[in-house]
């Protein structure tokens, strides 16, 4: 843990990686979104490997993907599909 930041010792045990998105969170209920003309599976988005994304040299794309992952993580945490908001990306080896 990191006491000075208020991070409990067990937080690292509840963490997960988010390199490709929030794919480890379970899927929620499917919903119909009329504005998108179709059904939503309720599953989080999955993104290509970081090396492939880096090869695009598109910094705005990287920011959009990071924003999407963080939004989905917050939603999964709020609906109890994710046990902690402690995600690694890129992977820590």
Protein backbone atom coordinates (compact mmCIF):
# COMPACT_ATOMS: atom_id res chain seq x y z
CA UNK A 1 0.00 0.00 0.00
CA UNK A 2 0.82 3.68 -0.10
CA UNK A 3 -0.33 5.18 3.21
CA UNK A 4 0.53 8.80 2.27
CA UNK A 5 -1.86 8.53 -0.71
CA UNK A 6 -4.54 6.60 1.15
CA UNK A 7 -4.04 3.44 -0.93
CA UNK A 8 -4.63 0.32 1.19
CA UNK A 9 -2.21 -2.61 0.98
CA UNK A 10 -4.91 -4.83 -0.52
CA UNK A 11 -5.52 -2.48 -3.48
CA UNK A 12 -2.76 -4.03 -5.57
CA UNK A 13 -4.34 -7.44 -5.07
CA UNK A 14 -7.63 -6.15 -6.49
CA UNK A 15 -6.02 -4.47 -9.47
CA UNK A 16 -6.20 -5.56 -13.07
CA UNK A 17 -4.73 -4.51 -16.38
CA UNK A 18 -6.49 -2.34 -18.93
CA UNK A 19 -4.07 -2.44 -21.83
CA UNK A 20 -6.72 -3.57 -24.32
CA UNK A 21 -9.63 -2.01 -22.47
CA UNK A 22 -11.71 -3.22 -19.60
CA UNK A 23 -12.16 -6.73 -21.00
CA UNK A 24 -11.83 -8.45 -17.60
CA UNK A 25 -15.04 -6.85 -16.30
CA UNK A 26 -18.10 -8.95 -16.86
CA UNK A 27 -20.75 -7.88 -19.34
CA UNK A 28 -23.76 -5.97 -18.16
CA UNK A 29 -27.31 -6.24 -19.41
CA UNK A 30 -27.79 -5.74 -23.16
CA UNK A 31 -29.67 -2.56 -23.97
CA UNK A 32 -31.19 -1.00 -27.06
CA UNK A 33 -29.86 2.43 -28.03
CA UNK A 34 -32.15 4.09 -30.59
CA UNK A 35 -29.61 6.86 -31.27
CA UNK A 36 -27.15 4.18 -32.46
CA UNK A 37 -29.78 2.16 -34.36
CA UNK A 38 -29.01 -1.07 -32.62
CA UNK A 39 -28.36 -3.15 -29.56
CA UNK A 40 -25.54 -2.74 -27.11
CA UNK A 41 -24.06 -6.01 -25.86
CA UNK A 42 -23.33 -4.47 -22.48
CA UNK A 43 -19.69 -5.58 -22.80
CA UNK A 44 -16.77 -3.14 -22.56
CA UNK A 45 -14.84 -2.18 -25.68
CA UNK A 46 -11.62 -4.00 -26.57
CA UNK A 47 -8.76 -2.16 -28.26
CA UNK A 48 -5.70 -3.28 -30.28
CA UNK A 49 -2.34 -3.91 -28.65
CA UNK A 50 -0.38 -0.86 -27.52
CA UNK A 51 2.33 -1.47 -30.14
CA UNK A 52 -0.27 -1.33 -32.91
CA UNK A 53 -1.83 1.81 -31.45
CA UNK A 54 1.61 3.40 -31.09
CA UNK A 55 2.31 2.71 -34.74
CA UNK A 56 -0.60 4.99 -35.68
CA UNK A 57 1.26 8.05 -34.29
CA UNK A 58 -2.21 9.41 -33.54
CA UNK A 59 -2.06 11.07 -30.12
CA UNK A 60 -5.70 12.15 -30.20
CA UNK A 61 -6.71 8.50 -30.75
CA UNK A 62 -4.66 7.45 -27.72
CA UNK A 63 -6.44 10.07 -25.62
CA UNK A 64 -9.87 8.94 -26.84
CA UNK A 65 -9.10 5.32 -26.02
CA UNK A 66 -7.85 6.27 -22.55
CA UNK A 67 -10.99 8.31 -21.97
CA UNK A 68 -13.20 5.40 -23.06
CA UNK A 69 -11.38 2.92 -20.82
CA UNK A 70 -11.66 5.24 -17.81
CA UNK A 71 -15.36 5.89 -18.44
CA UNK A 72 -16.10 2.17 -18.74
CA UNK A 73 -14.04 1.43 -15.61
CA UNK A 74 -16.02 3.96 -13.59
CA UNK A 75 -19.32 2.54 -14.89
CA UNK A 76 -18.24 -1.06 -14.17
CA UNK A 77 -17.15 -0.07 -10.65
CA UNK A 78 -20.41 1.78 -9.96
CA UNK A 79 -22.46 -1.26 -11.05
CA UNK A 80 -20.29 -3.72 -9.04
CA UNK A 81 -18.80 -5.40 -12.15
CA UNK A 82 -15.32 -4.28 -11.07
CA UNK A 83 -14.02 -4.59 -7.51
CA UNK A 84 -11.53 -1.70 -7.56
CA UNK A 85 -10.56 1.32 -9.67
CA UNK A 86 -6.91 0.30 -9.77
CA UNK A 87 -5.94 -0.53 -13.35
CA UNK A 88 -2.53 -1.00 -14.97
CA UNK A 89 -1.83 0.09 -18.53
CA UNK A 90 0.57 -0.60 -20.03
CA UNK A 91 1.22 -3.87 -18.25
CA UNK A 92 3.62 -3.93 -15.34
CA UNK A 93 6.10 -6.79 -15.69
